[in-house]
Amino acid sequence: MSRRCELTGVGPMVGHNVSHSNIKTKRRFLPALAPASLQSEALGQTFKLRITNAALRTLDFRGGLDVFLVKARDEKLSPRALKIKKQVKAKLAEQAAAAA
C-alpha cells in the first residue's frame, strides 16, 4: 500500500536530520494519512479513502467530496478517486438535464 493521499496526491518527501554537530543524514517525511469514510451527496454513497488530515480539512472547507472532486485535477487523483469523480460528474449532468 503506497503512502500517497488519494485526493491530493501528497506523498513522502525527503530531507535531513540535523544533529547538534550539524551532521546531516537523510530521512523521509511521511504524510499523515488517515482512513476516512466520505459521503457523496450526489450519489448517496459512502466511500472509504486514505487521505491526509490536510485534505480532510480542505474537504470541509470546500463543502464536501463532490465539490472537491469536480474541481480537482485528474493527475493528482488516484484511480479510485477518478472513478468516483466520473460517477459524480455523470450524476450531476443527469440532474441538470432533468431540471432543465
PDB file of N, CA and C in Angstrom:
ATOM      1  N   MET A   1       0.843  -1.163   0.000  1.00  0.00           N
ATOM      2  CA  MET A   1       0.000   0.000   0.000  1.00  0.00           C
ATOM      3  C   MET A   1       0.900   1.241   0.000  1.00  0.00           C
ATOM      4  N   SER A   2       0.681   2.126  -0.963  1.00  0.00           N
ATOM      5  CA  SER A   2       1.560   3.273  -1.075  1.00  0.00           C
ATOM      6  C   SER A   2       1.174   4.360  -0.087  1.00  0.00           C
ATOM      7  N   ARG A   3       2.139   5.141   0.291  1.00  0.00           N
ATOM      8  CA  ARG A   3       1.927   6.246   1.217  1.00  0.00           C
ATOM      9  C   ARG A   3       1.606   7.495   0.412  1.00  0.00           C
ATOM     10  N   ARG A   4       0.437   7.528  -0.216  1.00  0.00           N
ATOM     11  CA  ARG A   4       0.044   8.651  -1.044  1.00  0.00           C
ATOM     12  C   ARG A   4      -1.422   8.966  -0.796  1.00  0.00           C
ATOM     13  N   CYS A   5      -1.744  10.241  -0.662  1.00  0.00           N
ATOM     14  CA  CYS A   5      -3.126  10.665  -0.447  1.00  0.00           C
ATOM     15  C   CYS A   5      -3.920  10.426  -1.735  1.00  0.00           C
ATOM     16  N   GLU A   6      -5.114   9.847  -1.601  1.00  0.00           N
ATOM     17  CA  GLU A   6      -5.908   9.512  -2.774  1.00  0.00           C
ATOM     18  C   GLU A   6      -6.575  10.726  -3.408  1.00  0.00           C
ATOM     19  N   LEU A   7      -6.668  11.830  -2.686  1.00  0.00           N
ATOM     20  CA  LEU A   7      -7.328  13.013  -3.238  1.00  0.00           C
ATOM     21  C   LEU A   7      -6.348  14.102  -3.657  1.00  0.00           C
ATOM     22  N   THR A   8      -5.307  14.335  -2.884  1.00  0.00           N
ATOM     23  CA  THR A   8      -4.386  15.425  -3.201  1.00  0.00           C
ATOM     24  C   THR A   8      -3.090  14.950  -3.847  1.00  0.00           C
ATOM     25  N   GLY A   9      -2.790  13.654  -3.782  1.00  0.00           N
ATOM     26  CA  GLY A   9      -1.571  13.131  -4.384  1.00  0.00           C
ATOM     27  C   GLY A   9      -0.318  13.382  -3.566  1.00  0.00           C
ATOM     28  N   VAL A  10      -0.460  13.854  -2.344  1.00  0.00           N
ATOM     29  CA  VAL A  10       0.693  14.137  -1.495  1.00  0.00           C
ATOM     30  C   VAL A  10       1.372  12.825  -1.111  1.00  0.00           C
ATOM     31  N   GLY A  11       2.700  12.776  -1.272  1.00  0.00           N
ATOM     32  CA  GLY A  11       3.467  11.580  -0.949  1.00  0.00           C
ATOM     33  C   GLY A  11       4.628  11.906  -0.031  1.00  0.00           C
ATOM     34  N   PRO A  12       5.511  10.938   0.199  1.00  0.00           N
ATOM     35  CA  PRO A  12       6.662  11.177   1.071  1.00  0.00           C
ATOM     36  C   PRO A  12       7.616  12.220   0.488  1.00  0.00           C
ATOM     37  N   MET A  13       8.205  13.007   1.365  1.00  0.00           N
ATOM     38  CA  MET A  13       9.230  13.970   0.972  1.00  0.00           C
ATOM     39  C   MET A  13      10.530  13.569   1.651  1.00  0.00           C
ATOM     40  N   VAL A  14      11.641  14.056   1.136  1.00  0.00           N
ATOM     41  CA  VAL A  14      12.938  13.738   1.733  1.00  0.00           C
ATOM     42  C   VAL A  14      13.562  14.999   2.301  1.00  0.00           C
ATOM     43  N   GLY A  15      14.378  14.800   3.335  1.00  0.00           N
ATOM     44  CA  GLY A  15      15.068  15.912   3.969  1.00  0.00           C
ATOM     45  C   GLY A  15      16.220  15.376   4.793  1.00  0.00           C
ATOM     46  N   HIS A  16      16.652  16.149   5.755  1.00  0.00           N
ATOM     47  CA  HIS A  16      17.781  15.766   6.585  1.00  0.00           C
ATOM     48  C   HIS A  16      17.416  15.821   8.058  1.00  0.00           C
ATOM     49  N   ASN A  17      17.965  14.864   8.821  1.00  0.00           N
ATOM     50  CA  ASN A  17      18.065  15.007  10.266  1.00  0.00           C
ATOM     51  C   ASN A  17      19.351  15.780  10.499  1.00  0.00           C
ATOM     52  N   VAL A  18      19.291  16.841  11.258  1.00  0.00           N
ATOM     53  CA  VAL A  18      20.486  17.642  11.522  1.00  0.00           C
ATOM     54  C   VAL A  18      20.821  17.522  12.999  1.00  0.00           C
ATOM     55  N   SER A  19      22.007  16.986  13.287  1.00  0.00           N
ATOM     56  CA  SER A  19      22.425  16.784  14.671  1.00  0.00           C
ATOM     57  C   SER A  19      22.960  18.090  15.255  1.00  0.00           C
ATOM     58  N   HIS A  20      23.262  18.047  16.544  1.00  0.00           N
ATOM     59  CA  HIS A  20      23.813  19.211  17.225  1.00  0.00           C
ATOM     60  C   HIS A  20      25.140  19.629  16.604  1.00  0.00           C
ATOM     61  N   SER A  21      25.918  18.643  16.122  1.00  0.00           N
ATOM     62  CA  SER A  21      27.204  18.950  15.490  1.00  0.00           C
ATOM     63  C   SER A  21      27.047  19.235  14.000  1.00  0.00           C
ATOM     64  N   ASN A  22      25.805  19.413  13.547  1.00  0.00           N
ATOM     65  CA  ASN A  22      25.464  19.784  12.172  1.00  0.00           C
ATOM     66  C   ASN A  22      25.771  18.695  11.148  1.00  0.00           C
ATOM     67  N   ILE A  23      25.767  17.414  11.597  1.00  0.00           N
ATOM     68  CA  ILE A  23      25.902  16.294  10.660  1.00  0.00           C
ATOM     69  C   ILE A  23      24.519  16.010  10.093  1.00  0.00           C
ATOM     70  N   LYS A  24      24.448  15.893   8.770  1.00  0.00           N
ATOM     71  CA  LYS A  24      23.148  15.693   8.118  1.00  0.00           C
ATOM     72  C   LYS A  24      23.013  14.258   7.629  1.00  0.00           C
ATOM     73  N   THR A  25      21.914  13.615   7.990  1.00  0.00           N
ATOM     74  CA  THR A  25      21.614  12.271   7.499  1.00  0.00           C
ATOM     75  C   THR A  25      20.245  12.300   6.850  1.00  0.00           C
ATOM     76  N   LYS A  26      20.096  11.526   5.776  1.00  0.00           N
ATOM     77  CA  LYS A  26      18.836  11.512   5.023  1.00  0.00           C
ATOM     78  C   LYS A  26      17.697  10.950   5.860  1.00  0.00           C
ATOM     79  N   ARG A  27      16.498  11.471   5.626  1.00  0.00           N
ATOM     80  CA  ARG A  27      15.305  10.932   6.258  1.00  0.00           C
ATOM     81  C   ARG A  27      14.112  11.185   5.349  1.00  0.00           C
ATOM     82  N   ARG A  28      12.998  10.514   5.662  1.00  0.00           N
ATOM     83  CA  ARG A  28      11.761  10.685   4.887  1.00  0.00           C
ATOM     84  C   ARG A  28      10.689  11.297   5.782  1.00  0.00           C
ATOM     85  N   PHE A  29       9.968  12.251   5.220  1.00  0.00           N
ATOM     86  CA  PHE A  29       8.809  12.830   5.896  1.00  0.00           C
ATOM     87  C   PHE A  29       7.578  12.183   5.279  1.00  0.00           C
ATOM     88  N   LEU A  30       6.891  11.335   6.044  1.00  0.00           N
ATOM     89  CA  LEU A  30       5.709  10.642   5.529  1.00  0.00           C
ATOM     90  C   LEU A  30       4.464  11.486   5.781  1.00  0.00           C
ATOM     91  N   PRO A  31       3.515  11.470   4.842  1.00  0.00           N
ATOM     92  CA  PRO A  31       2.283  12.232   5.052  1.00  0.00           C
ATOM     93  C   PRO A  31       1.431  11.599   6.145  1.00  0.00           C
ATOM     94  N   ALA A  32       0.653  12.420   6.824  1.00  0.00           N
ATOM     95  CA  ALA A  32      -0.228  11.945   7.895  1.00  0.00           C
ATOM     96  C   ALA A  32      -1.508  11.406   7.265  1.00  0.00           C
ATOM     97  N   LEU A  33      -1.481  10.135   6.877  1.00  0.00           N
ATOM     98  CA  LEU A  33      -2.645   9.523   6.222  1.00  0.00           C
ATOM     99  C   LEU A  33      -3.598   8.940   7.252  1.00  0.00           C
ATOM    100  N   ALA A  34      -4.883   9.060   6.960  1.00  0.00           N
ATOM    101  CA  ALA A  34      -5.904   8.503   7.838  1.00  0.00           C
ATOM    102  C   ALA A  34      -7.015   7.917   6.975  1.00  0.00           C
ATOM    103  N   PRO A  35      -7.538   6.753   7.345  1.00  0.00           N
ATOM    104  CA  PRO A  35      -8.690   6.229   6.598  1.00  0.00           C
ATOM    105  C   PRO A  35      -9.927   7.061   6.942  1.00  0.00           C
ATOM    106  N   ALA A  36     -10.656   7.479   5.909  1.00  0.00           N
ATOM    107  CA  ALA A  36     -11.829   8.323   6.136  1.00  0.00           C
ATOM    108  C   ALA A  36     -12.995   7.800   5.316  1.00  0.00           C
ATOM    109  N   SER A  37     -14.177   7.793   5.911  1.00  0.00           N
ATOM    110  CA  SER A  37     -15.405   7.467   5.194  1.00  0.00           C
ATOM    111  C   SER A  37     -16.033   8.780   4.760  1.00  0.00           C
ATOM    112  N   LEU A  38     -16.119   8.975   3.450  1.00  0.00           N
ATOM    113  CA  LEU A  38     -16.609  10.233   2.902  1.00  0.00           C
ATOM    114  C   LEU A  38     -17.937  10.016   2.207  1.00  0.00           C
ATOM    115  N   GLN A  39     -18.882  10.903   2.468  1.00  0.00           N
ATOM    116  CA  GLN A  39     -20.237  10.804   1.936  1.00  0.00           C
ATOM    117  C   GLN A  39     -20.341  11.648   0.659  1.00  0.00           C
ATOM    118  N   SER A  40     -20.880  11.061  -0.389  1.00  0.00           N
ATOM    119  CA  SER A  40     -21.164  11.787  -1.622  1.00  0.00           C
ATOM    120  C   SER A  40     -22.659  12.099  -1.643  1.00  0.00           C
ATOM    121  N   GLU A  41     -22.996  13.401  -1.687  1.00  0.00           N
ATOM    122  CA  GLU A  41     -24.404  13.795  -1.683  1.00  0.00           C
ATOM    123  C   GLU A  41     -25.074  13.439  -3.002  1.00  0.00           C
ATOM    124  N   ALA A  42     -24.355  13.611  -4.113  1.00  0.00           N
ATOM    125  CA  ALA A  42     -24.938  13.359  -5.428  1.00  0.00           C
ATOM    126  C   ALA A  42     -25.244  11.875  -5.626  1.00  0.00           C
ATOM    127  N   LEU A  43     -24.330  11.016  -5.186  1.00  0.00           N
ATOM    128  CA  LEU A  43     -24.504   9.574  -5.400  1.00  0.00           C
ATOM    129  C   LEU A  43     -25.252   8.905  -4.256  1.00  0.00           C
ATOM    130  N   GLY A  44     -25.276   9.536  -3.090  1.00  0.00           N
ATOM    131  CA  GLY A  44     -25.908   8.927  -1.928  1.00  0.00           C
ATOM    132  C   GLY A  44     -25.164   7.711  -1.419  1.00  0.00           C
ATOM    133  N   GLN A  45     -23.836   7.732  -1.545  1.00  0.00           N
ATOM    134  CA  GLN A  45     -22.985   6.602  -1.151  1.00  0.00           C
ATOM    135  C   GLN A  45     -21.882   7.087  -0.222  1.00  0.00           C
ATOM    136  N   THR A  46     -21.306   6.152   0.504  1.00  0.00           N
ATOM    137  CA  THR A  46     -20.147   6.429   1.341  1.00  0.00           C
ATOM    138  C   THR A  46     -18.946   5.705   0.747  1.00  0.00           C
ATOM    139  N   PHE A  47     -17.810   6.403   0.683  1.00  0.00           N
ATOM    140  CA  PHE A  47     -16.579   5.828   0.147  1.00  0.00           C
ATOM    141  C   PHE A  47     -15.497   5.886   1.206  1.00  0.00           C
ATOM    142  N   LYS A  48     -14.705   4.793   1.320  1.00  0.00           N
ATOM    143  CA  LYS A  48     -13.567   4.756   2.239  1.00  0.00           C
ATOM    144  C   LYS A  48     -12.308   5.066   1.442  1.00  0.00           C
ATOM    145  N   LEU A  49     -11.623   6.154   1.825  1.00  0.00           N
ATOM    146  CA  LEU A  49     -10.393   6.565   1.154  1.00  0.00           C
ATOM    147  C   LEU A  49      -9.324   6.847   2.199  1.00  0.00           C
ATOM    148  N   ARG A  50      -8.050   6.671   1.803  1.00  0.00           N
ATOM    149  CA  ARG A  50      -6.930   7.038   2.671  1.00  0.00           C
ATOM    150  C   ARG A  50      -6.465   8.420   2.252  1.00  0.00           C
ATOM    151  N   ILE A  51      -6.736   9.411   3.085  1.00  0.00           N
ATOM    152  CA  ILE A  51      -6.398  10.784   2.740  1.00  0.00           C
ATOM    153  C   ILE A  51      -5.612  11.430   3.875  1.00  0.00           C
ATOM    154  N   THR A  52      -4.945  12.522   3.550  1.00  0.00           N
ATOM    155  CA  THR A  52      -4.203  13.253   4.575  1.00  0.00           C
ATOM    156  C   THR A  52      -5.168  14.051   5.432  1.00  0.00           C
ATOM    157  N   ASN A  53      -4.705  14.406   6.620  1.00  0.00           N
ATOM    158  CA  ASN A  53      -5.520  15.216   7.515  1.00  0.00           C
ATOM    159  C   ASN A  53      -5.778  16.595   6.905  1.00  0.00           C
ATOM    160  N   ALA A  54      -4.809  17.118   6.155  1.00  0.00           N
ATOM    161  CA  ALA A  54      -4.985  18.412   5.493  1.00  0.00           C
ATOM    162  C   ALA A  54      -6.074  18.319   4.423  1.00  0.00           C
ATOM    163  N   ALA A  55      -6.133  17.189   3.708  1.00  0.00           N
ATOM    164  CA  ALA A  55      -7.170  17.007   2.683  1.00  0.00           C
ATOM    165  C   ALA A  55      -8.548  16.933   3.334  1.00  0.00           C
ATOM    166  N   LEU A  56      -8.629  16.342   4.508  1.00  0.00           N
ATOM    167  CA  LEU A  56      -9.900  16.260   5.226  1.00  0.00           C
ATOM    168  C   LEU A  56     -10.392  17.661   5.610  1.00  0.00           C
ATOM    169  N   ARG A  57      -9.479  18.510   6.060  1.00  0.00           N
ATOM    170  CA  ARG A  57      -9.848  19.894   6.379  1.00  0.00           C
ATOM    171  C   ARG A  57     -10.263  20.648   5.117  1.00  0.00           C
ATOM    172  N   THR A  58      -9.580  20.393   4.006  1.00  0.00           N
ATOM    173  CA  THR A  58      -9.917  21.046   2.742  1.00  0.00           C
ATOM    174  C   THR A  58     -11.304  20.621   2.273  1.00  0.00           C
ATOM    175  N   LEU A  59     -11.647  19.342   2.438  1.00  0.00           N
ATOM    176  CA  LEU A  59     -12.988  18.869   2.080  1.00  0.00           C
ATOM    177  C   LEU A  59     -14.051  19.617   2.868  1.00  0.00           C
ATOM    178  N   ASP A  60     -13.839  19.794   4.160  1.00  0.00           N
ATOM    179  CA  ASP A  60     -14.793  20.527   4.991  1.00  0.00           C
ATOM    180  C   ASP A  60     -14.913  21.978   4.532  1.00  0.00           C
ATOM    181  N   PHE A  61     -13.794  22.581   4.191  1.00  0.00           N
ATOM    182  CA  PHE A  61     -13.774  23.985   3.784  1.00  0.00           C
ATOM    183  C   PHE A  61     -14.503  24.194   2.451  1.00  0.00           C
ATOM    184  N   ARG A  62     -14.274  23.307   1.499  1.00  0.00           N
ATOM    185  CA  ARG A  62     -14.866  23.464   0.167  1.00  0.00           C
ATOM    186  C   ARG A  62     -16.322  23.034   0.083  1.00  0.00           C
ATOM    187  N   GLY A  63     -16.782  22.258   1.044  1.00  0.00           N
ATOM    188  CA  GLY A  63     -18.195  21.907   1.043  1.00  0.00           C
ATOM    189  C   GLY A  63     -18.503  20.471   0.703  1.00  0.00           C
ATOM    190  N   GLY A  64     -17.546  19.577   0.834  1.00  0.00           N
ATOM    191  CA  GLY A  64     -17.829  18.158   0.660  1.00  0.00           C
ATOM    192  C   GLY A  64     -17.033  17.501  -0.458  1.00  0.00           C
ATOM    193  N   LEU A  65     -17.233  16.189  -0.559  1.00  0.00           N
ATOM    194  CA  LEU A  65     -16.478  15.371  -1.508  1.00  0.00           C
ATOM    195  C   LEU A  65     -16.803  15.718  -2.957  1.00  0.00           C
ATOM    196  N   ASP A  66     -18.085  15.916  -3.268  1.00  0.00           N
ATOM    197  CA  ASP A  66     -18.492  16.166  -4.654  1.00  0.00           C
ATOM    198  C   ASP A  66     -17.860  17.440  -5.207  1.00  0.00           C
ATOM    199  N   VAL A  67     -17.921  18.518  -4.436  1.00  0.00           N
ATOM    200  CA  VAL A  67     -17.361  19.801  -4.875  1.00  0.00           C
ATOM    201  C   VAL A  67     -15.850  19.684  -5.050  1.00  0.00           C
ATOM    202  N   PHE A  68     -15.205  18.991  -4.117  1.00  0.00           N
ATOM    203  CA  PHE A  68     -13.745  18.828  -4.191  1.00  0.00           C
ATOM    204  C   PHE A  68     -13.346  18.054  -5.445  1.00  0.00           C
ATOM    205  N   LEU A  69     -14.038  16.941  -5.713  1.00  0.00           N
ATOM    206  CA  LEU A  69     -13.683  16.096  -6.851  1.00  0.00           C
ATOM    207  C   LEU A  69     -13.916  16.793  -8.188  1.00  0.00           C
ATOM    208  N   VAL A  70     -14.991  17.542  -8.300  1.00  0.00           N
ATOM    209  CA  VAL A  70     -15.291  18.217  -9.567  1.00  0.00           C
ATOM    210  C   VAL A  70     -14.206  19.239  -9.898  1.00  0.00           C
ATOM    211  N   LYS A  71     -13.667  19.919  -8.872  1.00  0.00           N
ATOM    212  CA  LYS A  71     -12.649  20.949  -9.105  1.00  0.00           C
ATOM    213  C   LYS A  71     -11.231  20.385  -9.168  1.00  0.00           C
ATOM    214  N   ALA A  72     -11.017  19.153  -8.699  1.00  0.00           N
ATOM    215  CA  ALA A  72      -9.664  18.585  -8.606  1.00  0.00           C
ATOM    216  C   ALA A  72      -9.126  18.207  -9.978  1.00  0.00           C
ATOM    217  N   ARG A  73      -7.806  18.331 -10.140  1.00  0.00           N
ATOM    218  CA  ARG A  73      -7.154  17.918 -11.389  1.00  0.00           C
ATOM    219  C   ARG A  73      -6.994  16.403 -11.393  1.00  0.00           C
ATOM    220  N   ASP A  74      -7.160  15.812 -12.573  1.00  0.00           N
ATOM    221  CA  ASP A  74      -7.129  14.359 -12.703  1.00  0.00           C
ATOM    222  C   ASP A  74      -5.758  13.765 -12.379  1.00  0.00           C
ATOM    223  N   GLU A  75      -4.686  14.514 -12.608  1.00  0.00           N
ATOM    224  CA  GLU A  75      -3.332  13.992 -12.380  1.00  0.00           C
ATOM    225  C   GLU A  75      -3.081  13.716 -10.895  1.00  0.00           C
ATOM    226  N   LYS A  76      -3.736  14.468 -10.019  1.00  0.00           N
ATOM    227  CA  LYS A  76      -3.486  14.316  -8.583  1.00  0.00           C
ATOM    228  C   LYS A  76      -4.336  13.214  -7.959  1.00  0.00           C
ATOM    229  N   LEU A  77      -5.422  12.830  -8.600  1.00  0.00           N
ATOM    230  CA  LEU A  77      -6.342  11.853  -8.005  1.00  0.00           C
ATOM    231  C   LEU A  77      -5.868  10.429  -8.260  1.00  0.00           C
ATOM    232  N   SER A  78      -6.184   9.540  -7.331  1.00  0.00           N
ATOM    233  CA  SER A  78      -5.886   8.115  -7.501  1.00  0.00           C
ATOM    234  C   SER A  78      -6.899   7.522  -8.475  1.00  0.00           C
ATOM    235  N   PRO A  79      -6.631   6.321  -9.002  1.00  0.00           N
ATOM    236  CA  PRO A  79      -7.602   5.684  -9.909  1.00  0.00           C
ATOM    237  C   PRO A  79      -8.989   5.509  -9.279  1.00  0.00           C
ATOM    238  N   ARG A  80      -9.040   5.177  -7.986  1.00  0.00           N
ATOM    239  CA  ARG A  80     -10.341   5.038  -7.310  1.00  0.00           C
ATOM    240  C   ARG A  80     -11.070   6.370  -7.253  1.00  0.00           C
ATOM    241  N   ALA A  81     -10.334   7.447  -6.928  1.00  0.00           N
ATOM    242  CA  ALA A  81     -10.949   8.767  -6.844  1.00  0.00           C
ATOM    243  C   ALA A  81     -11.399   9.249  -8.220  1.00  0.00           C
ATOM    244  N   LEU A  82     -10.653   8.903  -9.266  1.00  0.00           N
ATOM    245  CA  LEU A  82     -11.054   9.257 -10.631  1.00  0.00           C
ATOM    246  C   LEU A  82     -12.368   8.586 -11.014  1.00  0.00           C
ATOM    247  N   LYS A  83     -12.520   7.339 -10.599  1.00  0.00           N
ATOM    248  CA  LYS A  83     -13.750   6.593 -10.869  1.00  0.00           C
ATOM    249  C   LYS A  83     -14.943   7.265 -10.184  1.00  0.00           C
ATOM    250  N   ILE A  84     -14.738   7.675  -8.929  1.00  0.00           N
ATOM    251  CA  ILE A  84     -15.789   8.351  -8.182  1.00  0.00           C
ATOM    252  C   ILE A  84     -16.116   9.695  -8.834  1.00  0.00           C
ATOM    253  N   LYS A  85     -15.067  10.415  -9.275  1.00  0.00           N
ATOM    254  CA  LYS A  85     -15.269  11.711  -9.923  1.00  0.00           C
ATOM    255  C   LYS A  85     -16.111  11.565 -11.189  1.00  0.00           C
ATOM    256  N   LYS A  86     -15.829  10.534 -11.967  1.00  0.00           N
ATOM    257  CA  LYS A  86     -16.578  10.299 -13.203  1.00  0.00           C
ATOM    258  C   LYS A  86     -18.052  10.030 -12.897  1.00  0.00           C
ATOM    259  N   GLN A  87     -18.314   9.237 -11.849  1.00  0.00           N
ATOM    260  CA  GLN A  87     -19.691   8.931 -11.449  1.00  0.00           C
ATOM    261  C   GLN A  87     -20.421  10.189 -10.970  1.00  0.00           C
ATOM    262  N   VAL A  88     -19.729  11.027 -10.199  1.00  0.00           N
ATOM    263  CA  VAL A  88     -20.330  12.251  -9.673  1.00  0.00           C
ATOM    264  C   VAL A  88     -20.674  13.203 -10.808  1.00  0.00           C
ATOM    265  N   LYS A  89     -19.728  13.378 -11.758  1.00  0.00           N
ATOM    266  CA  LYS A  89     -19.978  14.266 -12.893  1.00  0.00           C
ATOM    267  C   LYS A  89     -21.174  13.792 -13.712  1.00  0.00           C
ATOM    268  N   ALA A  90     -21.274  12.481 -13.940  1.00  0.00           N
ATOM    269  CA  ALA A  90     -22.388  11.936 -14.705  1.00  0.00           C
ATOM    270  C   ALA A  90     -23.709  12.179 -13.984  1.00  0.00           C
ATOM    271  N   LYS A  91     -23.718  11.982 -12.670  1.00  0.00           N
ATOM    272  CA  LYS A  91     -24.942  12.169 -11.888  1.00  0.00           C
ATOM    273  C   LYS A  91     -25.354  13.639 -11.865  1.00  0.00           C
ATOM    274  N   LEU A  92     -24.405  14.543 -11.728  1.00  0.00           N
ATOM    275  CA  LEU A  92     -24.692  15.974 -11.719  1.00  0.00           C
ATOM    276  C   LEU A  92     -25.217  16.443 -13.087  1.00  0.00           C
ATOM    277  N   ALA A  93     -24.645  15.911 -14.171  1.00  0.00           N
ATOM    278  CA  ALA A  93     -25.117  16.248 -15.511  1.00  0.00           C
ATOM    279  C   ALA A  93     -26.548  15.720 -15.722  1.00  0.00           C
ATOM    280  N   GLU A  94     -26.818  14.531 -15.201  1.00  0.00           N
ATOM    281  CA  GLU A  94     -28.146  13.941 -15.298  1.00  0.00           C
ATOM    282  C   GLU A  94     -29.172  14.791 -14.536  1.00  0.00           C
ATOM    283  N   GLN A  95     -28.786  15.250 -13.344  1.00  0.00           N
ATOM    284  CA  GLN A  95     -29.689  16.089 -12.550  1.00  0.00           C
ATOM    285  C   GLN A  95     -29.924  17.451 -13.216  1.00  0.00           C
ATOM    286  N   ALA A  96     -28.883  18.010 -13.843  1.00  0.00           N
ATOM    287  CA  ALA A  96     -29.027  19.295 -14.535  1.00  0.00           C
ATOM    288  C   ALA A  96     -29.940  19.157 -15.748  1.00  0.00           C
ATOM    289  N   ALA A  97     -29.828  18.029 -16.452  1.00  0.00           N
ATOM    290  CA  ALA A  97     -30.678  17.802 -17.625  1.00  0.00           C
ATOM    291  C   ALA A  97     -32.137  17.601 -17.204  1.00  0.00           C
ATOM    292  N   ALA A  98     -32.357  16.954 -16.066  1.00  0.00           N
ATOM    293  CA  ALA A  98     -33.709  16.719 -15.586  1.00  0.00           C
ATOM    294  C   ALA A  98     -34.364  18.021 -15.105  1.00  0.00           C
ATOM    295  N   ALA A  99     -33.545  18.931 -14.552  1.00  0.00           N
ATOM    296  CA  ALA A  99     -34.072  20.199 -14.045  1.00  0.00           C
ATOM    297  C   ALA A  99     -34.401  21.171 -15.181  1.00  0.00           C
ATOM    298  N   ALA A 100     -33.714  21.030 -16.307  1.00  0.00           N
ATOM    299  CA  ALA A 100     -33.912  21.960 -17.431  1.00  0.00           C
ATOM    300  C   ALA A 100     -35.070  21.579 -18.319  1.00  0.00           C
TER     301      ALA A 100
END
